[in-house]
Amino acid sequence: MNNSKSGYRTLKKNTIRLLTLIVLTQIFLSSIFLITNGYGDPIEIKVGFGDDPVIDGIVDGTTGEWDQAKKQKINLYPNITVPENGLEIDLWAIQEGLNLYILVRFDLQDHGSSEYDNEFIGILIADEDSNSDFTDAKIVQYSNISENIFQYLDYNINDTEYEEDIISNGAGAANLEENQITYEFSMPVKDTEDPLQDVYLNYIRSYDFKIVFGKKTALYPDGIMISNIVSIYLEFKPGGPEPSLGELIMTTSTIIIFSTIGALYIFYIYRITQLKKKIRRIRS
């Protein structure tokens, strides 16, 4: 009888220790995953396919041109590594055929004032596996926001020098309504005129895009005030976006760990039941 009780206590202790270890491991993996996605890696956006929107700075709700876009709210910061004093923006993205479309929209109380007459939104693009070395810039630059006068600019970034492309690829437009401003961009996928001046976007790849905002005319990068980086995966039609490596690791580890916990719990209950039966037999 003493041996049975001792075995029961040993099994209980070992099971509790193992379950505690598994739970702590899961918490540790979850913490690493959250920290990495929060501070180490760019924000990931999975983009599907839809109809091509008109690049005019106006979201036409009657046609539903952006209805199929992946929509996310992000913040632009003065210092990305110190996420404070951010400006919240709507960031939408969608693919259609040979183009990627991106929309940036936000509200500012000071819009329409002379201070913002020369504001701009830029999308800087880094080549695949370049460790966020941004070499291509698509910019919609206002010269008179109160009159809605702007131009679309395509630059090659050489170190910190912005050199205007000989051949401009893509398109951009903007529109201000009261305090809300909308910027729209299109950029070619697998149809770049000059791969020496532009990042050659290809399917089934992830690219880093840096969204930048500033208030000066044609003064880059000095005019950039706030920014943030997103990673966009370009899917090959008609399949769905593939999960990222981090998501695969997290999902797989969660399934394995909780399956193990469930199996151990069932085994633990079974062993307790067997020990109780054994104890009752000894007592009788």
C-alpha atoms as a PDB file:
ATOM      1  CA  MET A   1       0.000   0.000   0.000  1.00  0.00           C
ATOM      2  CA  ASN A   2       2.837   2.418   0.836  1.00  0.00           C
ATOM      3  CA  ASN A   3       4.492   1.622  -2.506  1.00  0.00           C
ATOM      4  CA  SER A   4       1.230   2.429  -4.289  1.00  0.00           C
ATOM      5  CA  LYS A   5       0.879   5.764  -2.502  1.00  0.00           C
ATOM      6  CA  SER A   6       4.546   6.572  -3.187  1.00  0.00           C
ATOM      7  CA  GLY A   7       4.108   5.715  -6.866  1.00  0.00           C
ATOM      8  CA  TYR A   8       0.996   7.847  -7.008  1.00  0.00           C
ATOM      9  CA  ARG A   9       2.799  10.833  -5.439  1.00  0.00           C
ATOM     10  CA  THR A  10       5.819  10.404  -7.756  1.00  0.00           C
ATOM     11  CA  LEU A  11       3.612  10.225 -10.848  1.00  0.00           C
ATOM     12  CA  LYS A  12       1.684  13.295  -9.727  1.00  0.00           C
ATOM     13  CA  LYS A  13       4.877  15.320  -9.106  1.00  0.00           C
ATOM     14  CA  ASN A  14       6.459  14.308 -12.416  1.00  0.00           C
ATOM     15  CA  THR A  15       3.281  15.069 -14.338  1.00  0.00           C
ATOM     16  CA  ILE A  16       2.924  18.490 -12.712  1.00  0.00           C
ATOM     17  CA  ARG A  17       6.571  19.287 -13.440  1.00  0.00           C
ATOM     18  CA  LEU A  18       6.220  18.248 -17.075  1.00  0.00           C
ATOM     19  CA  LEU A  19       3.014  20.207 -17.578  1.00  0.00           C
ATOM     20  CA  THR A  20       4.604  23.267 -15.947  1.00  0.00           C
ATOM     21  CA  LEU A  21       7.638  22.957 -18.246  1.00  0.00           C
ATOM     22  CA  ILE A  22       5.435  22.687 -21.336  1.00  0.00           C
ATOM     23  CA  VAL A  23       3.329  25.718 -20.353  1.00  0.00           C
ATOM     24  CA  LEU A  24       6.440  27.805 -19.600  1.00  0.00           C
ATOM     25  CA  THR A  25       7.945  26.783 -22.953  1.00  0.00           C
ATOM     26  CA  GLN A  26       4.769  27.860 -24.740  1.00  0.00           C
ATOM     27  CA  ILE A  27       4.771  31.215 -22.930  1.00  0.00           C
ATOM     28  CA  PHE A  28       8.442  31.686 -23.818  1.00  0.00           C
ATOM     29  CA  LEU A  29       7.851  30.929 -27.514  1.00  0.00           C
ATOM     30  CA  SER A  30       4.811  33.219 -27.586  1.00  0.00           C
ATOM     31  CA  SER A  31       6.803  36.040 -25.992  1.00  0.00           C
ATOM     32  CA  ILE A  32       9.603  35.697 -28.540  1.00  0.00           C
ATOM     33  CA  PHE A  33       7.071  35.677 -31.393  1.00  0.00           C
ATOM     34  CA  LEU A  34       5.299  38.787 -30.118  1.00  0.00           C
ATOM     35  CA  ILE A  35       8.512  40.704 -29.431  1.00  0.00           C
ATOM     36  CA  THR A  36       9.900  39.837 -32.853  1.00  0.00           C
ATOM     37  CA  ASN A  37       6.764  40.965 -34.660  1.00  0.00           C
ATOM     38  CA  GLY A  38       6.347  44.041 -32.467  1.00  0.00           C
ATOM     39  CA  TYR A  39       9.864  45.448 -32.600  1.00  0.00           C
ATOM     40  CA  GLY A  40      12.219  43.352 -34.699  1.00  0.00           C
ATOM     41  CA  ASP A  41      10.437  42.590 -37.966  1.00  0.00           C
ATOM     42  CA  PRO A  42       8.305  44.782 -40.202  1.00  0.00           C
ATOM     43  CA  ILE A  43       4.522  44.609 -39.953  1.00  0.00           C
ATOM     44  CA  GLU A  44       3.419  41.783 -42.259  1.00  0.00           C
ATOM     45  CA  ILE A  45       0.583  42.289 -44.725  1.00  0.00           C
ATOM     46  CA  LYS A  46      -0.875  39.478 -46.804  1.00  0.00           C
ATOM     47  CA  VAL A  47      -2.305  40.831 -50.034  1.00  0.00           C
ATOM     48  CA  GLY A  48      -4.812  39.039 -52.210  1.00  0.00           C
ATOM     49  CA  PHE A  49      -6.245  39.853 -55.618  1.00  0.00           C
ATOM     50  CA  GLY A  50      -9.118  42.098 -56.622  1.00  0.00           C
ATOM     51  CA  ASP A  51     -10.255  44.648 -59.191  1.00  0.00           C
ATOM     52  CA  ASP A  52      -7.934  47.514 -60.009  1.00  0.00           C
ATOM     53  CA  PRO A  53      -8.881  50.824 -58.340  1.00  0.00           C
ATOM     54  CA  VAL A  54      -8.709  54.150 -60.135  1.00  0.00           C
ATOM     55  CA  ILE A  55      -5.650  56.108 -58.954  1.00  0.00           C
ATOM     56  CA  ASP A  56      -7.220  59.504 -58.356  1.00  0.00           C
ATOM     57  CA  GLY A  57      -7.075  59.940 -54.564  1.00  0.00           C
ATOM     58  CA  ILE A  58     -10.816  59.317 -54.261  1.00  0.00           C
ATOM     59  CA  VAL A  59     -12.309  56.141 -52.776  1.00  0.00           C
ATOM     60  CA  ASP A  60     -15.426  55.469 -54.835  1.00  0.00           C
ATOM     61  CA  GLY A  61     -17.799  53.562 -52.583  1.00  0.00           C
ATOM     62  CA  THR A  62     -20.330  53.059 -55.392  1.00  0.00           C
ATOM     63  CA  THR A  63     -17.937  50.895 -57.421  1.00  0.00           C
ATOM     64  CA  GLY A  64     -16.366  49.191 -54.397  1.00  0.00           C
ATOM     65  CA  GLU A  65     -12.936  49.641 -55.969  1.00  0.00           C
ATOM     66  CA  TRP A  66     -11.049  49.047 -52.691  1.00  0.00           C
ATOM     67  CA  ASP A  67     -13.482  46.570 -51.125  1.00  0.00           C
ATOM     68  CA  GLN A  68     -11.212  43.567 -51.707  1.00  0.00           C
ATOM     69  CA  ALA A  69      -8.085  45.263 -50.385  1.00  0.00           C
ATOM     70  CA  LYS A  70      -6.250  44.063 -47.302  1.00  0.00           C
ATOM     71  CA  LYS A  71      -6.891  46.844 -44.772  1.00  0.00           C
ATOM     72  CA  GLN A  72      -4.800  47.580 -41.733  1.00  0.00           C
ATOM     73  CA  LYS A  73      -4.175  50.468 -39.364  1.00  0.00           C
ATOM     74  CA  ILE A  74      -0.561  51.253 -38.558  1.00  0.00           C
ATOM     75  CA  ASN A  75       1.285  54.148 -36.941  1.00  0.00           C
ATOM     76  CA  LEU A  76       4.052  56.273 -38.427  1.00  0.00           C
ATOM     77  CA  TYR A  77       6.695  57.304 -35.886  1.00  0.00           C
ATOM     78  CA  PRO A  78       9.513  59.883 -35.724  1.00  0.00           C
ATOM     79  CA  ASN A  79      11.746  56.983 -34.639  1.00  0.00           C
ATOM     80  CA  ILE A  80      10.632  53.469 -35.591  1.00  0.00           C
ATOM     81  CA  THR A  81      12.724  51.893 -32.828  1.00  0.00           C
ATOM     82  CA  VAL A  82      10.956  54.100 -30.264  1.00  0.00           C
ATOM     83  CA  PRO A  83       7.245  53.763 -31.123  1.00  0.00           C
ATOM     84  CA  GLU A  84       5.997  57.007 -29.549  1.00  0.00           C
ATOM     85  CA  ASN A  85       4.015  60.024 -30.793  1.00  0.00           C
ATOM     86  CA  GLY A  86       2.698  58.133 -33.786  1.00  0.00           C
ATOM     87  CA  LEU A  87       0.296  59.184 -36.510  1.00  0.00           C
ATOM     88  CA  GLU A  88      -2.328  56.513 -37.184  1.00  0.00           C
ATOM     89  CA  ILE A  89      -2.982  55.821 -40.851  1.00  0.00           C
ATOM     90  CA  ASP A  90      -5.183  53.470 -42.854  1.00  0.00           C
ATOM     91  CA  LEU A  91      -3.008  51.298 -45.066  1.00  0.00           C
ATOM     92  CA  TRP A  92      -4.751  49.334 -47.822  1.00  0.00           C
ATOM     93  CA  ALA A  93      -3.139  47.055 -50.392  1.00  0.00           C
ATOM     94  CA  ILE A  94      -4.424  44.968 -53.266  1.00  0.00           C
ATOM     95  CA  GLN A  95      -3.051  43.187 -56.338  1.00  0.00           C
ATOM     96  CA  GLU A  96      -4.578  43.064 -59.793  1.00  0.00           C
ATOM     97  CA  GLY A  97      -2.798  41.538 -62.753  1.00  0.00           C
ATOM     98  CA  LEU A  98       0.564  43.222 -63.168  1.00  0.00           C
ATOM     99  CA  ASN A  99       0.120  45.921 -60.535  1.00  0.00           C
ATOM    100  CA  LEU A 100       0.245  46.393 -56.785  1.00  0.00           C
ATOM    101  CA  TYR A 101      -1.978  49.151 -55.395  1.00  0.00           C
ATOM    102  CA  ILE A 102      -1.425  50.879 -52.057  1.00  0.00           C
ATOM    103  CA  LEU A 103      -3.631  53.443 -50.313  1.00  0.00           C
ATOM    104  CA  VAL A 104      -2.610  55.641 -47.369  1.00  0.00           C
ATOM    105  CA  ARG A 105      -5.283  57.689 -45.601  1.00  0.00           C
ATOM    106  CA  PHE A 106      -5.265  59.731 -42.394  1.00  0.00           C
ATOM    107  CA  ASP A 107      -6.724  62.758 -40.618  1.00  0.00           C
ATOM    108  CA  LEU A 108      -4.914  65.897 -39.478  1.00  0.00           C
ATOM    109  CA  GLN A 109      -6.546  68.900 -37.880  1.00  0.00           C
ATOM    110  CA  ASP A 110      -4.002  71.224 -39.534  1.00  0.00           C
ATOM    111  CA  HIS A 111      -4.692  70.049 -43.079  1.00  0.00           C
ATOM    112  CA  GLY A 112      -5.463  72.999 -45.300  1.00  0.00           C
ATOM    113  CA  SER A 113      -3.073  75.296 -43.427  1.00  0.00           C
ATOM    114  CA  SER A 114       0.021  76.744 -45.113  1.00  0.00           C
ATOM    115  CA  GLU A 115       2.215  74.516 -42.942  1.00  0.00           C
ATOM    116  CA  TYR A 116       1.048  71.461 -44.883  1.00  0.00           C
ATOM    117  CA  ASP A 117       0.994  73.024 -48.365  1.00  0.00           C
ATOM    118  CA  ASN A 118       4.056  70.991 -49.366  1.00  0.00           C
ATOM    119  CA  GLU A 119       3.388  67.702 -47.608  1.00  0.00           C
ATOM    120  CA  PHE A 120       4.122  64.339 -49.202  1.00  0.00           C
ATOM    121  CA  ILE A 121       3.681  60.620 -48.744  1.00  0.00           C
ATOM    122  CA  GLY A 122       6.371  58.344 -50.086  1.00  0.00           C
ATOM    123  CA  ILE A 123       6.662  54.590 -50.435  1.00  0.00           C
ATOM    124  CA  LEU A 124      10.244  53.379 -50.330  1.00  0.00           C
ATOM    125  CA  ILE A 125      10.889  49.851 -51.592  1.00  0.00           C
ATOM    126  CA  ALA A 126      13.691  47.474 -50.636  1.00  0.00           C
ATOM    127  CA  ASP A 127      14.779  44.606 -52.842  1.00  0.00           C
ATOM    128  CA  GLU A 128      14.193  41.055 -51.666  1.00  0.00           C
ATOM    129  CA  ASP A 129      16.620  39.885 -48.950  1.00  0.00           C
ATOM    130  CA  SER A 130      18.313  43.311 -48.898  1.00  0.00           C
ATOM    131  CA  ASN A 131      17.957  43.827 -45.127  1.00  0.00           C
ATOM    132  CA  SER A 132      15.726  46.882 -45.592  1.00  0.00           C
ATOM    133  CA  ASP A 133      18.100  48.655 -47.983  1.00  0.00           C
ATOM    134  CA  PHE A 134      15.560  50.956 -49.645  1.00  0.00           C
ATOM    135  CA  THR A 135      16.622  51.822 -53.195  1.00  0.00           C
ATOM    136  CA  ASP A 136      13.349  52.797 -54.887  1.00  0.00           C
ATOM    137  CA  ALA A 137      10.945  55.597 -53.955  1.00  0.00           C
ATOM    138  CA  LYS A 138       7.453  56.424 -55.210  1.00  0.00           C
ATOM    139  CA  ILE A 139       6.328  59.831 -53.898  1.00  0.00           C
ATOM    140  CA  VAL A 140       3.197  61.954 -54.205  1.00  0.00           C
ATOM    141  CA  GLN A 141       4.396  65.483 -53.471  1.00  0.00           C
ATOM    142  CA  TYR A 142       2.097  68.464 -52.925  1.00  0.00           C
ATOM    143  CA  SER A 143       3.113  71.926 -54.048  1.00  0.00           C
ATOM    144  CA  ASN A 144      -0.207  73.509 -53.030  1.00  0.00           C
ATOM    145  CA  ILE A 145      -2.468  71.316 -50.929  1.00  0.00           C
ATOM    146  CA  SER A 146      -5.259  73.897 -50.688  1.00  0.00           C
ATOM    147  CA  GLU A 147      -5.565  73.811 -54.500  1.00  0.00           C
ATOM    148  CA  ASN A 148      -4.894  70.034 -54.615  1.00  0.00           C
ATOM    149  CA  ILE A 149      -1.831  70.525 -56.795  1.00  0.00           C
ATOM    150  CA  PHE A 150       0.607  67.618 -56.603  1.00  0.00           C
ATOM    151  CA  GLN A 151       2.924  65.508 -58.717  1.00  0.00           C
ATOM    152  CA  TYR A 152       3.963  61.873 -58.761  1.00  0.00           C
ATOM    153  CA  LEU A 153       7.727  61.285 -58.547  1.00  0.00           C
ATOM    154  CA  ASP A 154       9.784  58.131 -59.080  1.00  0.00           C
ATOM    155  CA  TYR A 155      13.272  58.087 -57.563  1.00  0.00           C
ATOM    156  CA  ASN A 156      16.226  55.755 -57.376  1.00  0.00           C
ATOM    157  CA  ILE A 157      17.923  55.975 -53.961  1.00  0.00           C
ATOM    158  CA  ASN A 158      21.699  55.835 -54.168  1.00  0.00           C
ATOM    159  CA  ASP A 159      22.977  55.766 -50.589  1.00  0.00           C
ATOM    160  CA  THR A 160      21.055  58.818 -49.312  1.00  0.00           C
ATOM    161  CA  GLU A 161      20.811  60.604 -52.665  1.00  0.00           C
ATOM    162  CA  TYR A 162      17.399  60.650 -54.371  1.00  0.00           C
ATOM    163  CA  GLU A 163      17.924  60.582 -58.149  1.00  0.00           C
ATOM    164  CA  GLU A 164      14.837  61.009 -60.304  1.00  0.00           C
ATOM    165  CA  ASP A 165      14.278  58.090 -62.678  1.00  0.00           C
ATOM    166  CA  ILE A 166      14.726  58.626 -66.396  1.00  0.00           C
ATOM    167  CA  ILE A 167      11.657  56.459 -66.957  1.00  0.00           C
ATOM    168  CA  SER A 168       8.908  56.966 -64.377  1.00  0.00           C
ATOM    169  CA  ASN A 169       7.117  53.753 -63.397  1.00  0.00           C
ATOM    170  CA  GLY A 170       3.822  53.488 -61.581  1.00  0.00           C
ATOM    171  CA  ALA A 171       1.360  56.237 -60.712  1.00  0.00           C
ATOM    172  CA  GLY A 172       0.194  58.229 -57.724  1.00  0.00           C
ATOM    173  CA  ALA A 173      -2.519  60.687 -56.758  1.00  0.00           C
ATOM    174  CA  ALA A 174      -3.961  62.377 -53.677  1.00  0.00           C
ATOM    175  CA  ASN A 175      -7.081  64.202 -52.579  1.00  0.00           C
ATOM    176  CA  LEU A 176      -7.970  66.264 -49.498  1.00  0.00           C
ATOM    177  CA  GLU A 177     -11.493  66.366 -48.115  1.00  0.00           C
ATOM    178  CA  GLU A 178     -11.829  68.544 -45.015  1.00  0.00           C
ATOM    179  CA  ASN A 179      -9.199  67.082 -42.619  1.00  0.00           C
ATOM    180  CA  GLN A 180      -8.905  63.683 -44.285  1.00  0.00           C
ATOM    181  CA  ILE A 181      -6.350  63.087 -47.008  1.00  0.00           C
ATOM    182  CA  THR A 182      -6.036  60.053 -49.247  1.00  0.00           C
ATOM    183  CA  TYR A 183      -2.933  59.006 -51.188  1.00  0.00           C
ATOM    184  CA  GLU A 184      -3.115  56.251 -53.794  1.00  0.00           C
ATOM    185  CA  PHE A 185      -0.262  54.471 -55.557  1.00  0.00           C
ATOM    186  CA  SER A 186       0.138  51.832 -58.216  1.00  0.00           C
ATOM    187  CA  MET A 187       3.402  50.095 -59.058  1.00  0.00           C
ATOM    188  CA  PRO A 188       4.201  47.390 -61.591  1.00  0.00           C
ATOM    189  CA  VAL A 189       4.824  43.759 -60.697  1.00  0.00           C
ATOM    190  CA  LYS A 190       6.995  41.839 -63.209  1.00  0.00           C
ATOM    191  CA  ASP A 191       6.704  44.731 -65.654  1.00  0.00           C
ATOM    192  CA  THR A 192       9.427  47.177 -64.595  1.00  0.00           C
ATOM    193  CA  GLU A 193      10.862  49.304 -67.411  1.00  0.00           C
ATOM    194  CA  ASP A 194      14.294  49.809 -65.854  1.00  0.00           C
ATOM    195  CA  PRO A 195      15.393  47.281 -63.195  1.00  0.00           C
ATOM    196  CA  LEU A 196      18.554  49.350 -62.633  1.00  0.00           C
ATOM    197  CA  GLN A 197      16.493  52.230 -61.266  1.00  0.00           C
ATOM    198  CA  ASP A 198      13.547  50.338 -59.815  1.00  0.00           C
ATOM    199  CA  VAL A 199      13.120  47.391 -57.473  1.00  0.00           C
ATOM    200  CA  TYR A 200      11.919  44.548 -59.678  1.00  0.00           C
ATOM    201  CA  LEU A 201       8.842  43.239 -57.893  1.00  0.00           C
ATOM    202  CA  ASN A 202       8.106  39.573 -58.488  1.00  0.00           C
ATOM    203  CA  TYR A 203       5.434  37.090 -57.441  1.00  0.00           C
ATOM    204  CA  ILE A 204       5.713  34.758 -54.447  1.00  0.00           C
ATOM    205  CA  ARG A 205       8.126  37.145 -52.729  1.00  0.00           C
ATOM    206  CA  SER A 206       8.038  39.436 -49.697  1.00  0.00           C
ATOM    207  CA  TYR A 207       9.278  43.003 -49.999  1.00  0.00           C
ATOM    208  CA  ASP A 208       9.790  45.701 -47.383  1.00  0.00           C
ATOM    209  CA  PHE A 209       7.934  48.956 -47.989  1.00  0.00           C
ATOM    210  CA  LYS A 210       8.717  52.033 -45.905  1.00  0.00           C
ATOM    211  CA  ILE A 211       5.814  54.484 -45.624  1.00  0.00           C
ATOM    212  CA  VAL A 212       7.162  58.010 -45.070  1.00  0.00           C
ATOM    213  CA  PHE A 213       5.484  61.346 -44.437  1.00  0.00           C
ATOM    214  CA  GLY A 214       6.956  64.841 -44.577  1.00  0.00           C
ATOM    215  CA  LYS A 215       6.131  68.507 -45.153  1.00  0.00           C
ATOM    216  CA  LYS A 216       8.812  69.903 -47.479  1.00  0.00           C
ATOM    217  CA  THR A 217       9.024  70.128 -51.256  1.00  0.00           C
ATOM    218  CA  ALA A 218      11.498  67.782 -52.962  1.00  0.00           C
ATOM    219  CA  LEU A 219      13.761  67.575 -49.918  1.00  0.00           C
ATOM    220  CA  TYR A 220      14.451  63.907 -49.320  1.00  0.00           C
ATOM    221  CA  PRO A 221      15.324  62.308 -47.030  1.00  0.00           C
ATOM    222  CA  ASP A 222      15.691  65.445 -44.832  1.00  0.00           C
ATOM    223  CA  GLY A 223      12.010  66.317 -45.176  1.00  0.00           C
ATOM    224  CA  ILE A 224      10.851  62.947 -43.860  1.00  0.00           C
ATOM    225  CA  MET A 225       9.297  63.369 -40.413  1.00  0.00           C
ATOM    226  CA  ILE A 226       7.678  60.028 -39.560  1.00  0.00           C
ATOM    227  CA  SER A 227       7.704  56.523 -41.040  1.00  0.00           C
ATOM    228  CA  ASN A 228       7.128  52.829 -40.532  1.00  0.00           C
ATOM    229  CA  ILE A 229       7.980  49.620 -42.393  1.00  0.00           C
ATOM    230  CA  VAL A 230       5.600  46.944 -43.646  1.00  0.00           C
ATOM    231  CA  SER A 231       6.413  43.663 -45.366  1.00  0.00           C
ATOM    232  CA  ILE A 232       4.102  42.849 -48.266  1.00  0.00           C
ATOM    233  CA  TYR A 233       3.872  39.372 -49.762  1.00  0.00           C
ATOM    234  CA  LEU A 234       3.049  39.304 -53.469  1.00  0.00           C
ATOM    235  CA  GLU A 235       0.920  36.253 -54.218  1.00  0.00           C
ATOM    236  CA  PHE A 236       0.734  34.483 -57.556  1.00  0.00           C
ATOM    237  CA  LYS A 237      -2.847  34.426 -58.781  1.00  0.00           C
ATOM    238  CA  PRO A 238      -5.134  32.612 -58.046  1.00  0.00           C
ATOM    239  CA  GLY A 239      -3.725  31.052 -54.827  1.00  0.00           C
ATOM    240  CA  GLY A 240      -4.076  32.557 -51.370  1.00  0.00           C
ATOM    241  CA  PRO A 241      -1.259  34.217 -49.426  1.00  0.00           C
ATOM    242  CA  GLU A 242       1.139  31.823 -47.765  1.00  0.00           C
ATOM    243  CA  PRO A 243       1.713  32.108 -44.006  1.00  0.00           C
ATOM    244  CA  SER A 244       4.988  33.629 -42.846  1.00  0.00           C
ATOM    245  CA  LEU A 245       7.749  31.526 -41.307  1.00  0.00           C
ATOM    246  CA  GLY A 246       7.043  33.008 -37.877  1.00  0.00           C
ATOM    247  CA  GLU A 247       3.364  32.134 -38.114  1.00  0.00           C
ATOM    248  CA  LEU A 248       4.185  28.584 -39.251  1.00  0.00           C
ATOM    249  CA  ILE A 249       6.573  28.071 -36.323  1.00  0.00           C
ATOM    250  CA  MET A 250       4.081  29.511 -33.840  1.00  0.00           C
ATOM    251  CA  THR A 251       1.153  27.488 -35.185  1.00  0.00           C
ATOM    252  CA  THR A 252       3.142  24.254 -35.325  1.00  0.00           C
ATOM    253  CA  SER A 253       4.556  24.684 -31.817  1.00  0.00           C
ATOM    254  CA  THR A 254       1.105  25.496 -30.434  1.00  0.00           C
ATOM    255  CA  ILE A 255      -0.447  22.388 -32.005  1.00  0.00           C
ATOM    256  CA  ILE A 256       2.381  20.144 -30.781  1.00  0.00           C
ATOM    257  CA  ILE A 257       2.462  21.553 -27.264  1.00  0.00           C
ATOM    258  CA  PHE A 258      -1.266  21.517 -26.632  1.00  0.00           C
ATOM    259  CA  SER A 259      -1.611  18.079 -28.204  1.00  0.00           C
ATOM    260  CA  THR A 260       1.100  16.878 -25.842  1.00  0.00           C
ATOM    261  CA  ILE A 261      -0.634  18.493 -22.875  1.00  0.00           C
ATOM    262  CA  GLY A 262      -3.900  16.834 -23.841  1.00  0.00           C
ATOM    263  CA  ALA A 263      -2.269  13.418 -24.216  1.00  0.00           C
ATOM    264  CA  LEU A 264      -0.459  13.765 -20.888  1.00  0.00           C
ATOM    265  CA  TYR A 265      -3.657  14.848 -19.170  1.00  0.00           C
ATOM    266  CA  ILE A 266      -5.494  11.792 -20.489  1.00  0.00           C
ATOM    267  CA  PHE A 267      -2.592   9.551 -19.424  1.00  0.00           C
ATOM    268  CA  TYR A 268      -2.492  11.250 -16.019  1.00  0.00           C
ATOM    269  CA  ILE A 269      -6.218  10.624 -15.451  1.00  0.00           C
ATOM    270  CA  TYR A 270      -5.803   7.018 -16.588  1.00  0.00           C
ATOM    271  CA  ARG A 271      -2.895   6.401 -14.214  1.00  0.00           C
ATOM    272  CA  ILE A 272      -4.748   7.977 -11.283  1.00  0.00           C
ATOM    273  CA  THR A 273      -7.753   5.764 -11.998  1.00  0.00           C
ATOM    274  CA  GLN A 274      -5.542   2.658 -12.117  1.00  0.00           C
ATOM    275  CA  LEU A 275      -3.753   3.609  -8.884  1.00  0.00           C
ATOM    276  CA  LYS A 276      -7.038   4.230  -7.109  1.00  0.00           C
ATOM    277  CA  LYS A 277      -8.307   0.810  -8.174  1.00  0.00           C
ATOM    278  CA  LYS A 278      -5.060  -0.747  -6.955  1.00  0.00           C
ATOM    279  CA  ILE A 279      -5.327   1.026  -3.608  1.00  0.00           C
ATOM    280  CA  ARG A 280      -8.945  -0.116  -3.174  1.00  0.00           C
ATOM    281  CA  ARG A 281      -7.929  -3.704  -3.907  1.00  0.00           C
ATOM    282  CA  ILE A 282      -5.107  -3.560  -1.322  1.00  0.00           C
ATOM    283  CA  ARG A 283      -7.424  -2.032   1.303  1.00  0.00           C
ATOM    284  CA  SER A 284     -10.047  -4.700   0.731  1.00  0.00           C
END
